[in-house]
């Protein structure tokens, strides 16, 4: 693999640290780029251990802690857990273990869904672990107990997305099966409860139709980060994107880079944990 120039040989400004189980969290990075164009972003994609969605709470928490420690060692001024599974299972314990502010994707997405619904019927799609935790249901009902939440686990989507099969016939067929029960329930709002899923937004919108509002957890997370950043000491502008991966994923990275219109300044492979 050909590495892009290293960002770590010379001092740089403290970054916004972002991490996900793979490359899906780059959807959050793309939204952060739009919301905060002058900020340096350091993204860690745990491509050696993707996906997190079928793993236990203990394992997800250990992985998330190892990456958060890495980002803190790289002087991150805040850490964005750009992974719904890690946000649902690990974020509460992570926040107490680290000295920098941490924010996940779950709460901003839940809040946006409550604001968007007209009928009170909200659908959520996510990994097995995210759906099993009922994290979105709890967050939504904490705002409004009267809302009806239908959640469906979609375990096969992340592997298809990591293969770059965004608009493949197989992906469309699978999405149709996953979404059918919620559409039959009459949902008018659908939370994309995994940061990989915005890469399937066109296909999901086509299947759901105009009557369903899609809530992009990546977009709403970026807006929440901008609000949080406004409360922290400002740093010098340094608009760059540096990426660390825990294993080679060059093929999908090129696809994501093109799809999300991201310009990547440096790329390194870095082993994390044991």
Protein backbone atom coordinates (compact mmCIF):
# COMPACT_ATOMS: atom_id res chain seq x y z
CA UNK A 1 0.00 0.00 0.00
CA UNK A 2 1.30 3.46 -0.84
CA UNK A 3 1.05 5.72 2.18
CA UNK A 4 0.24 9.36 1.71
CA UNK A 5 2.56 11.90 3.40
CA UNK A 6 2.65 11.66 7.18
CA UNK A 7 1.02 14.39 9.22
CA UNK A 8 2.87 13.50 12.40
CA UNK A 9 6.46 14.47 11.60
CA UNK A 10 5.78 18.18 12.27
CA UNK A 11 3.63 19.85 14.96
CA UNK A 12 0.06 20.58 13.94
CA UNK A 13 -2.87 22.21 15.70
CA UNK A 14 -4.96 20.06 18.09
CA UNK A 15 -7.51 18.20 15.98
CA UNK A 16 -11.11 17.19 16.33
CA UNK A 17 -10.67 13.46 16.86
CA UNK A 18 -13.20 11.20 15.12
CA UNK A 19 -13.42 7.42 15.06
CA UNK A 20 -15.58 4.61 13.75
CA UNK A 21 -15.37 0.84 13.34
CA UNK A 22 -14.39 1.27 9.68
CA UNK A 23 -14.70 3.91 7.01
CA UNK A 24 -18.39 4.71 7.53
CA UNK A 25 -17.58 7.50 9.97
CA UNK A 26 -16.18 9.49 7.06
CA UNK A 27 -19.81 10.51 6.52
CA UNK A 28 -19.49 12.39 9.82
CA UNK A 29 -16.16 13.83 8.69
CA UNK A 30 -17.75 15.09 5.46
CA UNK A 31 -20.46 16.88 7.46
CA UNK A 32 -17.87 18.28 9.88
CA UNK A 33 -15.94 19.62 6.89
CA UNK A 34 -19.06 21.51 5.79
CA UNK A 35 -19.94 22.77 9.26
CA UNK A 36 -16.36 23.57 10.40
CA UNK A 37 -14.22 24.15 7.30
CA UNK A 38 -11.25 25.68 9.17
CA UNK A 39 -10.73 22.78 11.60
CA UNK A 40 -8.14 20.01 11.49
CA UNK A 41 -9.74 16.57 11.73
CA UNK A 42 -7.95 13.37 12.72
CA UNK A 43 -9.98 10.29 11.79
CA UNK A 44 -9.30 6.77 13.02
CA UNK A 45 -11.00 3.93 11.14
CA UNK A 46 -10.75 0.58 12.92
CA UNK A 47 -10.65 -1.34 9.65
CA UNK A 48 -8.87 -4.31 11.25
CA UNK A 49 -11.86 -5.01 13.52
CA UNK A 50 -14.89 -3.83 11.52
CA UNK A 51 -17.80 -4.31 12.05
CA UNK A 52 -18.56 -3.61 15.72
CA UNK A 53 -22.27 -4.35 15.39
CA UNK A 54 -22.14 -8.05 16.22
CA UNK A 55 -19.68 -7.79 19.12
CA UNK A 56 -20.34 -7.71 22.86
CA UNK A 57 -20.59 -4.54 24.95
CA UNK A 58 -17.29 -5.41 26.66
CA UNK A 59 -15.43 -5.84 23.37
CA UNK A 60 -16.86 -2.68 21.80
CA UNK A 61 -16.00 -0.70 24.93
CA UNK A 62 -12.42 -2.03 24.90
CA UNK A 63 -11.95 -1.16 21.22
CA UNK A 64 -13.47 2.30 21.70
CA UNK A 65 -11.29 2.99 24.74
CA UNK A 66 -8.11 2.01 22.88
CA UNK A 67 -8.91 4.36 20.01
CA UNK A 68 -9.99 7.18 22.32
CA UNK A 69 -6.67 6.84 24.17
CA UNK A 70 -4.86 7.09 20.83
CA UNK A 71 -6.76 10.25 19.87
CA UNK A 72 -6.09 11.81 23.26
CA UNK A 73 -2.37 11.02 22.85
CA UNK A 74 -2.51 12.91 19.54
CA UNK A 75 -3.81 15.98 21.46
CA UNK A 76 -7.42 15.81 20.23
CA UNK A 77 -9.35 18.71 21.75
CA UNK A 78 -12.61 16.76 21.58
CA UNK A 79 -13.51 13.25 20.47
CA UNK A 80 -16.44 12.34 18.23
CA UNK A 81 -17.63 8.75 18.55
CA UNK A 82 -18.80 8.47 14.93
CA UNK A 83 -20.14 4.96 15.47
CA UNK A 84 -23.68 4.29 16.61
CA UNK A 85 -22.74 0.96 18.18
CA UNK A 86 -19.93 2.51 20.24
CA UNK A 87 -22.14 5.51 21.07
CA UNK A 88 -24.84 3.16 22.37
CA UNK A 89 -22.63 0.70 24.27
CA UNK A 90 -19.42 2.48 25.25
CA UNK A 91 -19.81 6.24 25.38
CA UNK A 92 -21.09 6.56 28.99
CA UNK A 93 -18.00 4.82 30.42
CA UNK A 94 -15.62 6.48 27.94
CA UNK A 95 -16.70 9.98 28.93
CA UNK A 96 -15.68 9.43 32.55
CA UNK A 97 -12.28 8.01 31.53
CA UNK A 98 -11.04 10.89 29.36
CA UNK A 99 -10.17 14.49 30.06
CA UNK A 100 -11.42 15.88 26.73
CA UNK A 101 -15.10 16.35 25.82
CA UNK A 102 -16.72 13.45 23.97
CA UNK A 103 -19.82 13.41 21.82
CA UNK A 104 -21.62 10.57 20.06
CA UNK A 105 -24.01 10.36 17.12
CA UNK A 106 -27.00 8.94 18.96
CA UNK A 107 -28.43 11.85 20.94
CA UNK A 108 -28.30 14.36 18.02
CA UNK A 109 -30.01 11.82 15.75
CA UNK A 110 -32.76 11.06 18.26
CA UNK A 111 -33.45 14.75 18.82
CA UNK A 112 -33.67 15.40 15.07
CA UNK A 113 -36.10 12.48 14.63
CA UNK A 114 -38.44 13.85 17.30
CA UNK A 115 -38.48 17.22 15.57
CA UNK A 116 -39.07 15.68 12.14
CA UNK A 117 -41.96 13.30 12.81
CA UNK A 118 -45.51 14.38 12.04
CA UNK A 119 -47.41 11.15 12.74
CA UNK A 120 -45.40 10.12 15.81
CA UNK A 121 -44.22 6.93 14.11
CA UNK A 122 -40.41 6.72 13.84
CA UNK A 123 -38.31 3.93 12.32
CA UNK A 124 -34.69 3.18 13.20
CA UNK A 125 -32.22 0.99 11.30
CA UNK A 126 -28.84 0.04 12.74
CA UNK A 127 -26.49 -2.77 13.66
CA UNK A 128 -27.60 -5.68 15.83
CA UNK A 129 -25.87 -4.21 18.89
CA UNK A 130 -27.36 -0.73 18.44
CA UNK A 131 -30.88 -2.08 17.95
CA UNK A 132 -30.59 -4.62 20.79
CA UNK A 133 -29.56 -1.84 23.18
CA UNK A 134 -32.75 0.13 22.32
CA UNK A 135 -30.54 3.21 22.66
CA UNK A 136 -32.47 5.20 20.06
CA UNK A 137 -35.84 4.14 21.45
CA UNK A 138 -34.80 5.21 24.95
CA UNK A 139 -33.39 8.53 23.73
CA UNK A 140 -36.50 9.30 21.66
CA UNK A 141 -38.95 8.33 24.41
CA UNK A 142 -36.96 10.39 26.91
CA UNK A 143 -37.95 13.42 24.83
CA UNK A 144 -41.53 12.33 24.11
CA UNK A 145 -43.02 9.18 25.68
CA UNK A 146 -45.93 9.17 23.24
CA UNK A 147 -43.83 8.47 20.16
CA UNK A 148 -43.95 5.01 18.54
CA UNK A 149 -40.50 3.66 17.64
CA UNK A 150 -39.97 0.64 15.37
CA UNK A 151 -36.37 -0.57 15.11
CA UNK A 152 -34.88 -3.12 12.72
CA UNK A 153 -31.35 -4.57 12.81
CA UNK A 154 -29.61 -4.61 9.41
CA UNK A 155 -26.46 -6.72 10.00
CA UNK A 156 -25.62 -7.29 6.33
CA UNK A 157 -25.50 -3.65 5.25
CA UNK A 158 -22.11 -2.62 6.68
CA UNK A 159 -20.17 -5.40 4.87
CA UNK A 160 -21.87 -4.43 1.57
CA UNK A 161 -21.05 -0.76 2.13
CA UNK A 162 -17.44 -1.54 3.03
CA UNK A 163 -17.27 -3.34 -0.35
CA UNK A 164 -18.48 -0.17 -2.08
CA UNK A 165 -21.80 -1.73 -3.22
CA UNK A 166 -23.82 1.43 -2.58
CA UNK A 167 -26.29 1.08 -5.46
CA UNK A 168 -25.92 -2.61 -6.23
CA UNK A 169 -29.04 -4.69 -6.92
CA UNK A 170 -28.25 -6.97 -3.97
CA UNK A 171 -28.04 -3.97 -1.62
CA UNK A 172 -31.36 -2.63 -2.89
CA UNK A 173 -33.09 -5.99 -2.46
CA UNK A 174 -31.76 -6.36 1.07
CA UNK A 175 -32.82 -2.84 2.02
CA UNK A 176 -36.29 -3.53 0.70
CA UNK A 177 -36.60 -6.52 3.04
CA UNK A 178 -35.25 -4.62 6.03
CA UNK A 179 -37.48 -1.57 5.49
CA UNK A 180 -40.73 -3.36 4.60
CA UNK A 181 -41.97 -3.96 8.20
CA UNK A 182 -41.45 -0.32 9.19
CA UNK A 183 -43.08 1.04 6.05
CA UNK A 184 -46.03 -1.28 6.70
CA UNK A 185 -46.30 0.30 10.17
CA UNK A 186 -46.69 3.71 8.53
CA UNK A 187 -43.51 5.43 9.73
CA UNK A 188 -42.99 8.97 8.48
CA UNK A 189 -39.42 9.36 9.81
CA UNK A 190 -36.46 6.99 9.48
CA UNK A 191 -33.27 7.32 11.50
CA UNK A 192 -30.16 6.08 9.70
CA UNK A 193 -28.73 4.66 12.91
CA UNK A 194 -25.29 3.78 11.56
CA UNK A 195 -22.80 6.23 10.09
CA UNK A 196 -22.24 3.89 7.14
CA UNK A 197 -25.87 4.25 6.06
CA UNK A 198 -25.78 7.80 4.60
CA UNK A 199 -23.78 6.26 1.74
CA UNK A 200 -27.02 4.40 0.89
CA UNK A 201 -29.21 7.49 1.21
CA UNK A 202 -30.30 7.59 -2.44
CA UNK A 203 -31.40 3.96 -2.44
CA UNK A 204 -33.13 4.26 0.95
CA UNK A 205 -34.97 7.41 -0.15
CA UNK A 206 -36.16 5.68 -3.33
CA UNK A 207 -37.52 2.69 -1.38
CA UNK A 208 -39.16 4.81 1.33
CA UNK A 209 -40.69 7.42 -0.96
CA UNK A 210 -41.37 11.10 -0.42
CA UNK A 211 -43.57 10.54 2.64
CA UNK A 212 -40.66 9.46 4.85
CA UNK A 213 -38.10 11.93 6.19
CA UNK A 214 -34.60 10.49 6.52
CA UNK A 215 -32.65 11.54 9.61
CA UNK A 216 -28.92 11.42 8.94
CA UNK A 217 -27.06 10.84 12.23
CA UNK A 218 -23.84 12.12 10.62
CA UNK A 219 -25.32 15.49 9.69
CA UNK A 220 -26.91 16.08 13.08
CA UNK A 221 -23.77 15.00 14.91
CA UNK A 222 -21.73 17.59 13.02
CA UNK A 223 -24.12 20.36 14.05
CA UNK A 224 -23.86 19.24 17.69
CA UNK A 225 -20.05 19.26 17.44
CA UNK A 226 -20.12 22.83 16.12
CA UNK A 227 -22.19 23.91 19.14
CA UNK A 228 -19.84 22.13 21.55
CA UNK A 229 -16.73 23.55 19.89
CA UNK A 230 -18.06 27.08 20.40
CA UNK A 231 -17.74 26.54 24.16
CA UNK A 232 -14.05 25.52 23.97
CA UNK A 233 -10.92 27.71 23.58
CA UNK A 234 -10.31 28.51 19.93
CA UNK A 235 -7.23 27.30 18.04
CA UNK A 236 -5.49 28.48 14.90
CA UNK A 237 -7.17 27.49 11.62
CA UNK A 238 -5.68 24.31 10.16
CA UNK A 239 -8.11 22.92 7.56
CA UNK A 240 -6.76 19.45 6.94
CA UNK A 241 -7.88 15.83 7.19
CA UNK A 242 -5.49 13.18 8.50
CA UNK A 243 -6.52 9.53 8.56
CA UNK A 244 -5.24 6.57 10.56
CA UNK A 245 -6.48 3.08 9.67
CA UNK A 246 -5.82 -0.06 11.70
CA UNK A 247 -5.57 -2.15 8.51
CA UNK A 248 -5.38 -1.52 4.79
CA UNK A 249 -8.66 -0.40 3.19
CA UNK A 250 -7.38 1.58 0.23
CA UNK A 251 -10.01 0.36 -2.24
CA UNK A 252 -13.02 1.43 -0.23
CA UNK A 253 -11.27 4.58 0.94
CA UNK A 254 -10.96 5.71 -2.68
CA UNK A 255 -14.66 5.08 -3.24
CA UNK A 256 -15.66 6.93 -0.07
CA UNK A 257 -13.29 9.78 -0.86
CA UNK A 258 -14.97 10.23 -4.24
CA UNK A 259 -18.54 9.72 -3.00
CA UNK A 260 -18.13 12.15 -0.10
CA UNK A 261 -15.93 14.64 -2.00
CA UNK A 262 -13.25 14.52 0.69
CA UNK A 263 -9.68 15.68 0.23
CA UNK A 264 -7.37 13.59 2.41
CA UNK A 265 -4.05 15.17 3.43
CA UNK A 266 -2.36 12.13 4.96
CA UNK A 267 -3.00 8.44 5.49
CA UNK A 268 -1.23 6.01 7.80
CA UNK A 269 -1.70 2.47 9.04
CA UNK A 270 -1.46 2.32 12.85
CA UNK A 271 -1.94 -0.78 14.99
CA UNK A 272 -4.20 -0.24 17.99
CA UNK A 273 -4.47 -2.43 21.08
CA UNK A 274 -2.91 -5.88 21.40
